[in-house]
Amino acid sequence: MAKKESKQENEEIKEEIKEEIKEENKEEIKEETPVENDTDAKIKDLEAQLADAQDKYLRALAEYDNFRKRSQKEREGIYSDAYADAVKNILPIIDNLERVLTLVGDEKFMEGLKLILNSVYATLEKMGVKEIEAKVFDPNLHNAVMHVDDESLGEGEIVEVFQKGYILGDRVIRYSMVKVAN
C-alpha cells in the first residue's frame, strides 16, 4: 500500500508541478506579448495606414483634376493659336490687294478687285477678325514707326496708317503700323 500511496503522491506532485509550469508560462506569455496591447497597436497601425492611403488618394484625385483642367486649357489655346496663325498668313495677301487698288488701272479691273477685297473682309468678319481702329494711339494695339510734330493735331493722334492691324476677340493678331502726331 505504501507503494500505491507514494505513486499517488508522485502523481499529485507531478500534477502540481505541471500546473505551476502552466501558470508561470501564462504569466510569461502575458508579460511578453499582452494580447490587448498588441491588438490596440495593430488597430492604431491599421488606422494610420488607412489615413495615409486616404491622403494619397485625395492628392492623386486633386492632381488628376488639375491635369484635366490644364489639358483643356492647352487644347483651347492650341486651337486659338492655330486660328490666329492662319489668319495672320492671309493678311499679307490682303495688304497686296489693297496696294493694287491705289494704282491707276482699268476701271472694271478695279471694280473686280474691290469685290474680292469686300468678300475677304466679310469672311474675316464672320471669323471674328476685326480691323483695329486707328484714331488715337494705343501702345497695346498700335506700333508707332514715325512721329510728327504738328500743333494742329491732337496729342497721340494717328496721322497715317502704314499697315492695318487686326484683332481676334481680345487677341491682337497684327499690330497697326502708324505715324503718330505730337
C-alpha atoms as a PDB file:
ATOM      1  CA  MET A   1       0.000   0.000   0.000  1.00  0.00           C
ATOM      2  CA  ALA A   2       2.857   2.228   0.703  1.00  0.00           C
ATOM      3  CA  LYS A   3       3.839   1.942  -2.917  1.00  0.00           C
ATOM      4  CA  LYS A   4       0.371   2.943  -4.074  1.00  0.00           C
ATOM      5  CA  GLU A   5       0.340   5.936  -1.766  1.00  0.00           C
ATOM      6  CA  SER A   6       3.781   7.034  -2.907  1.00  0.00           C
ATOM      7  CA  LYS A   7       2.688   6.606  -6.521  1.00  0.00           C
ATOM      8  CA  GLN A   8      -0.376   8.739  -5.850  1.00  0.00           C
ATOM      9  CA  GLU A   9       1.742  11.329  -4.106  1.00  0.00           C
ATOM     10  CA  ASN A  10       4.155  11.314  -7.022  1.00  0.00           C
ATOM     11  CA  GLU A  11       1.231  11.751  -9.428  1.00  0.00           C
ATOM     12  CA  GLU A  12      -0.159  14.579  -7.337  1.00  0.00           C
ATOM     13  CA  ILE A  13       3.237  16.260  -7.182  1.00  0.00           C
ATOM     14  CA  LYS A  14       3.635  15.893 -10.936  1.00  0.00           C
ATOM     15  CA  GLU A  15       0.202  17.453 -11.462  1.00  0.00           C
ATOM     16  CA  GLU A  16       1.049  20.350  -9.152  1.00  0.00           C
ATOM     17  CA  ILE A  17       4.336  20.929 -10.939  1.00  0.00           C
ATOM     18  CA  LYS A  18       2.595  20.852 -14.337  1.00  0.00           C
ATOM     19  CA  GLU A  19       0.038  23.396 -13.108  1.00  0.00           C
ATOM     20  CA  GLU A  20       2.751  25.639 -11.694  1.00  0.00           C
ATOM     21  CA  ILE A  21       4.636  25.440 -15.008  1.00  0.00           C
ATOM     22  CA  LYS A  22       1.458  26.282 -16.925  1.00  0.00           C
ATOM     23  CA  GLU A  23       0.753  29.245 -14.636  1.00  0.00           C
ATOM     24  CA  GLU A  24       4.350  30.504 -14.974  1.00  0.00           C
ATOM     25  CA  ASN A  25       4.129  30.146 -18.749  1.00  0.00           C
ATOM     26  CA  LYS A  26       0.843  32.046 -18.783  1.00  0.00           C
ATOM     27  CA  GLU A  27       2.389  34.847 -16.759  1.00  0.00           C
ATOM     28  CA  GLU A  28       5.432  34.929 -19.027  1.00  0.00           C
ATOM     29  CA  ILE A  29       3.199  34.995 -22.113  1.00  0.00           C
ATOM     30  CA  LYS A  30       1.137  37.802 -20.604  1.00  0.00           C
ATOM     31  CA  GLU A  31       4.277  39.759 -19.747  1.00  0.00           C
ATOM     32  CA  GLU A  32       5.993  39.212 -23.100  1.00  0.00           C
ATOM     33  CA  THR A  33       3.067  39.775 -25.502  1.00  0.00           C
ATOM     34  CA  PRO A  34      -0.047  41.177 -23.897  1.00  0.00           C
ATOM     35  CA  VAL A  35      -2.936  40.381 -26.222  1.00  0.00           C
ATOM     36  CA  GLU A  36      -4.856  43.584 -25.506  1.00  0.00           C
ATOM     37  CA  ASN A  37      -1.875  45.895 -26.075  1.00  0.00           C
ATOM     38  CA  ASP A  38      -0.936  44.020 -29.235  1.00  0.00           C
ATOM     39  CA  THR A  39      -4.464  44.378 -30.667  1.00  0.00           C
ATOM     40  CA  ASP A  40      -4.592  48.091 -29.846  1.00  0.00           C
ATOM     41  CA  ALA A  41      -1.230  48.630 -31.520  1.00  0.00           C
ATOM     42  CA  LYS A  42      -2.397  46.764 -34.625  1.00  0.00           C
ATOM     43  CA  ILE A  43      -5.593  48.828 -34.763  1.00  0.00           C
ATOM     44  CA  LYS A  44      -3.648  52.087 -34.466  1.00  0.00           C
ATOM     45  CA  ASP A  45      -1.210  50.930 -37.132  1.00  0.00           C
ATOM     46  CA  LEU A  46      -4.055  49.995 -39.487  1.00  0.00           C
ATOM     47  CA  GLU A  47      -5.797  53.330 -38.825  1.00  0.00           C
ATOM     48  CA  ALA A  48      -2.560  55.173 -39.662  1.00  0.00           C
ATOM     49  CA  GLN A  49      -2.188  53.154 -42.874  1.00  0.00           C
ATOM     50  CA  LEU A  50      -5.813  53.902 -43.802  1.00  0.00           C
ATOM     51  CA  ALA A  51      -5.349  57.628 -43.178  1.00  0.00           C
ATOM     52  CA  ASP A  52      -2.180  57.583 -45.284  1.00  0.00           C
ATOM     53  CA  ALA A  53      -3.953  55.753 -48.100  1.00  0.00           C
ATOM     54  CA  GLN A  54      -6.868  58.213 -47.995  1.00  0.00           C
ATOM     55  CA  ASP A  55      -4.442  61.142 -48.104  1.00  0.00           C
ATOM     56  CA  LYS A  56      -2.647  59.649 -51.119  1.00  0.00           C
ATOM     57  CA  TYR A  57      -5.983  59.027 -52.839  1.00  0.00           C
ATOM     58  CA  LEU A  58      -7.148  62.623 -52.294  1.00  0.00           C
ATOM     59  CA  ARG A  59      -3.835  64.003 -53.551  1.00  0.00           C
ATOM     60  CA  ALA A  60      -3.965  61.797 -56.655  1.00  0.00           C
ATOM     61  CA  LEU A  61      -7.555  62.880 -57.290  1.00  0.00           C
ATOM     62  CA  ALA A  62      -6.625  66.563 -56.986  1.00  0.00           C
ATOM     63  CA  GLU A  63      -3.587  66.080 -59.220  1.00  0.00           C
ATOM     64  CA  TYR A  64      -5.709  64.381 -61.874  1.00  0.00           C
ATOM     65  CA  ASP A  65      -8.283  67.186 -61.725  1.00  0.00           C
ATOM     66  CA  ASN A  66      -5.528  69.794 -62.188  1.00  0.00           C
ATOM     67  CA  PHE A  67      -4.089  67.797 -65.085  1.00  0.00           C
ATOM     68  CA  ARG A  68      -7.513  67.594 -66.748  1.00  0.00           C
ATOM     69  CA  LYS A  69      -8.081  71.362 -66.406  1.00  0.00           C
ATOM     70  CA  ARG A  70      -4.571  72.154 -67.678  1.00  0.00           C
ATOM     71  CA  SER A  71      -5.042  69.844 -70.675  1.00  0.00           C
ATOM     72  CA  GLN A  72      -8.363  71.501 -71.524  1.00  0.00           C
ATOM     73  CA  LYS A  73      -6.749  74.957 -71.417  1.00  0.00           C
ATOM     74  CA  GLU A  74      -3.879  73.778 -73.616  1.00  0.00           C
ATOM     75  CA  ARG A  75      -6.310  72.327 -76.175  1.00  0.00           C
ATOM     76  CA  GLU A  76      -8.261  75.581 -76.277  1.00  0.00           C
ATOM     77  CA  GLY A  77      -5.031  77.573 -76.548  1.00  0.00           C
ATOM     78  CA  ILE A  78      -3.722  75.440 -79.396  1.00  0.00           C
ATOM     79  CA  TYR A  79      -6.915  75.961 -81.382  1.00  0.00           C
ATOM     80  CA  SER A  80      -6.913  79.749 -80.934  1.00  0.00           C
ATOM     81  CA  ASP A  81      -3.181  79.936 -81.708  1.00  0.00           C
ATOM     82  CA  ALA A  82      -3.611  77.940 -84.916  1.00  0.00           C
ATOM     83  CA  TYR A  83      -6.642  80.041 -85.867  1.00  0.00           C
ATOM     84  CA  ALA A  84      -4.729  83.286 -85.321  1.00  0.00           C
ATOM     85  CA  ASP A  85      -1.698  81.981 -87.247  1.00  0.00           C
ATOM     86  CA  ALA A  86      -3.873  81.031 -90.214  1.00  0.00           C
ATOM     87  CA  VAL A  87      -5.421  84.497 -90.319  1.00  0.00           C
ATOM     88  CA  LYS A  88      -2.005  86.098 -89.911  1.00  0.00           C
ATOM     89  CA  ASN A  89      -0.766  84.257 -93.015  1.00  0.00           C
ATOM     90  CA  ILE A  90      -3.689  85.637 -95.060  1.00  0.00           C
ATOM     91  CA  LEU A  91      -3.113  89.279 -94.079  1.00  0.00           C
ATOM     92  CA  PRO A  92      -0.180  89.953 -96.460  1.00  0.00           C
ATOM     93  CA  ILE A  93      -2.413  88.919 -99.374  1.00  0.00           C
ATOM     94  CA  ILE A  94      -4.997  91.464 -98.270  1.00  0.00           C
ATOM     95  CA  ASP A  95      -2.274  94.120 -97.963  1.00  0.00           C
ATOM     96  CA  ASN A  96      -1.129  93.451-101.522  1.00  0.00           C
ATOM     97  CA  LEU A  97      -4.677  93.633-102.878  1.00  0.00           C
ATOM     98  CA  GLU A  98      -5.175  96.968-101.115  1.00  0.00           C
ATOM     99  CA  ARG A  99      -1.935  98.307-102.617  1.00  0.00           C
ATOM    100  CA  VAL A 100      -3.104  97.346-106.101  1.00  0.00           C
ATOM    101  CA  LEU A 101      -6.231  99.445-105.553  1.00  0.00           C
ATOM    102  CA  THR A 102      -4.085 102.565-105.148  1.00  0.00           C
ATOM    103  CA  LEU A 103      -2.650 102.095-108.642  1.00  0.00           C
ATOM    104  CA  VAL A 104      -4.365 103.591-111.629  1.00  0.00           C
ATOM    105  CA  GLY A 105      -5.746 100.958-113.921  1.00  0.00           C
ATOM    106  CA  ASP A 106      -8.712  99.662-115.835  1.00  0.00           C
ATOM    107  CA  GLU A 107     -11.996 100.580-114.159  1.00  0.00           C
ATOM    108  CA  LYS A 108     -13.525  97.085-114.477  1.00  0.00           C
ATOM    109  CA  PHE A 109     -10.358  95.518-113.064  1.00  0.00           C
ATOM    110  CA  MET A 110     -10.501  97.850-110.068  1.00  0.00           C
ATOM    111  CA  GLU A 111     -14.186  97.058-109.526  1.00  0.00           C
ATOM    112  CA  GLY A 112     -13.435  93.320-109.538  1.00  0.00           C
ATOM    113  CA  LEU A 113     -10.587  93.827-107.112  1.00  0.00           C
ATOM    114  CA  LYS A 114     -12.860  95.811-104.761  1.00  0.00           C
ATOM    115  CA  LEU A 115     -15.410  92.977-104.867  1.00  0.00           C
ATOM    116  CA  ILE A 116     -12.692  90.465-103.966  1.00  0.00           C
ATOM    117  CA  LEU A 117     -11.499  92.619-101.071  1.00  0.00           C
ATOM    118  CA  ASN A 118     -15.043  93.128 -99.794  1.00  0.00           C
ATOM    119  CA  SER A 119     -15.539  89.366 -99.890  1.00  0.00           C
ATOM    120  CA  VAL A 120     -12.321  88.850 -97.908  1.00  0.00           C
ATOM    121  CA  TYR A 121     -13.370  91.487 -95.350  1.00  0.00           C
ATOM    122  CA  ALA A 122     -16.774  89.814 -94.954  1.00  0.00           C
ATOM    123  CA  THR A 123     -15.095  86.419 -94.455  1.00  0.00           C
ATOM    124  CA  LEU A 124     -12.743  87.841 -91.828  1.00  0.00           C
ATOM    125  CA  GLU A 125     -15.694  89.434 -90.047  1.00  0.00           C
ATOM    126  CA  LYS A 126     -17.526  86.089 -89.994  1.00  0.00           C
ATOM    127  CA  MET A 127     -14.400  84.550 -88.463  1.00  0.00           C
ATOM    128  CA  GLY A 128     -14.439  87.182 -85.706  1.00  0.00           C
ATOM    129  CA  VAL A 129     -11.442  89.097 -87.037  1.00  0.00           C
ATOM    130  CA  LYS A 130     -11.800  92.883 -86.880  1.00  0.00           C
ATOM    131  CA  GLU A 131      -9.665  95.716 -88.125  1.00  0.00           C
ATOM    132  CA  ILE A 132      -8.084  97.792 -85.357  1.00  0.00           C
ATOM    133  CA  GLU A 133      -9.340 101.385 -85.354  1.00  0.00           C
ATOM    134  CA  ALA A 134      -6.607 103.902 -85.955  1.00  0.00           C
ATOM    135  CA  LYS A 135      -7.749 107.196 -84.424  1.00  0.00           C
ATOM    136  CA  VAL A 136      -5.867 107.655 -81.147  1.00  0.00           C
ATOM    137  CA  PHE A 137      -2.575 105.899 -80.445  1.00  0.00           C
ATOM    138  CA  ASP A 138      -2.781 102.927 -78.070  1.00  0.00           C
ATOM    139  CA  PRO A 139       0.501 101.066 -77.481  1.00  0.00           C
ATOM    140  CA  ASN A 140      -1.491  97.877 -76.846  1.00  0.00           C
ATOM    141  CA  LEU A 141      -2.881  97.986 -80.395  1.00  0.00           C
ATOM    142  CA  HIS A 142      -0.550 100.159 -82.452  1.00  0.00           C
ATOM    143  CA  ASN A 143       3.124 100.206 -83.344  1.00  0.00           C
ATOM    144  CA  ALA A 144       4.357 103.781 -83.856  1.00  0.00           C
ATOM    145  CA  VAL A 145       7.042 103.742 -86.554  1.00  0.00           C
ATOM    146  CA  MET A 146       7.064 107.515 -87.209  1.00  0.00           C
ATOM    147  CA  HIS A 147       6.412 110.668 -85.219  1.00  0.00           C
ATOM    148  CA  VAL A 148       5.449 114.115 -86.453  1.00  0.00           C
ATOM    149  CA  ASP A 149       5.129 117.414 -84.557  1.00  0.00           C
ATOM    150  CA  ASP A 150       2.027 119.282 -85.702  1.00  0.00           C
ATOM    151  CA  GLU A 151       0.209 121.723 -83.412  1.00  0.00           C
ATOM    152  CA  SER A 152      -2.978 121.462 -85.471  1.00  0.00           C
ATOM    153  CA  LEU A 153      -3.315 117.778 -84.488  1.00  0.00           C
ATOM    154  CA  GLY A 154      -4.168 116.427 -81.042  1.00  0.00           C
ATOM    155  CA  GLU A 155      -1.873 114.573 -78.649  1.00  0.00           C
ATOM    156  CA  GLY A 156      -1.332 110.943 -79.710  1.00  0.00           C
ATOM    157  CA  GLU A 157      -3.496 111.311 -82.794  1.00  0.00           C
ATOM    158  CA  ILE A 158      -2.743 108.873 -85.606  1.00  0.00           C
ATOM    159  CA  VAL A 159      -1.855 110.724 -88.785  1.00  0.00           C
ATOM    160  CA  GLU A 160      -1.237 107.860 -91.186  1.00  0.00           C
ATOM    161  CA  VAL A 161      -1.634 104.077 -91.188  1.00  0.00           C
ATOM    162  CA  PHE A 162       1.156 102.219 -92.989  1.00  0.00           C
ATOM    163  CA  GLN A 163      -0.194  98.743 -92.304  1.00  0.00           C
ATOM    164  CA  LYS A 164      -3.596  97.848 -90.855  1.00  0.00           C
ATOM    165  CA  GLY A 165      -3.787  95.894 -87.640  1.00  0.00           C
ATOM    166  CA  TYR A 166      -6.241  93.115 -86.876  1.00  0.00           C
ATOM    167  CA  ILE A 167      -7.686  91.697 -83.693  1.00  0.00           C
ATOM    168  CA  LEU A 168      -9.413  88.359 -82.970  1.00  0.00           C
ATOM    169  CA  GLY A 169     -11.587  88.659 -79.879  1.00  0.00           C
ATOM    170  CA  ASP A 170      -9.245  90.300 -77.383  1.00  0.00           C
ATOM    171  CA  ARG A 171      -6.080  88.928 -79.006  1.00  0.00           C
ATOM    172  CA  VAL A 172      -4.039  91.116 -81.354  1.00  0.00           C
ATOM    173  CA  ILE A 173      -3.133  89.192 -84.486  1.00  0.00           C
ATOM    174  CA  ARG A 174      -1.123  92.038 -86.004  1.00  0.00           C
ATOM    175  CA  TYR A 175      -0.400  95.493 -84.616  1.00  0.00           C
ATOM    176  CA  SER A 176      -1.171  98.536 -86.760  1.00  0.00           C
ATOM    177  CA  MET A 177       1.948 100.345 -88.042  1.00  0.00           C
ATOM    178  CA  VAL A 178       1.186 104.061 -87.728  1.00  0.00           C
ATOM    179  CA  LYS A 179       2.549 107.610 -87.792  1.00  0.00           C
ATOM    180  CA  VAL A 180       1.673 109.488 -84.609  1.00  0.00           C
ATOM    181  CA  ALA A 181       1.370 113.235 -84.035  1.00  0.00           C
ATOM    182  CA  ASN A 182       2.875 115.125 -81.077  1.00  0.00           C
END
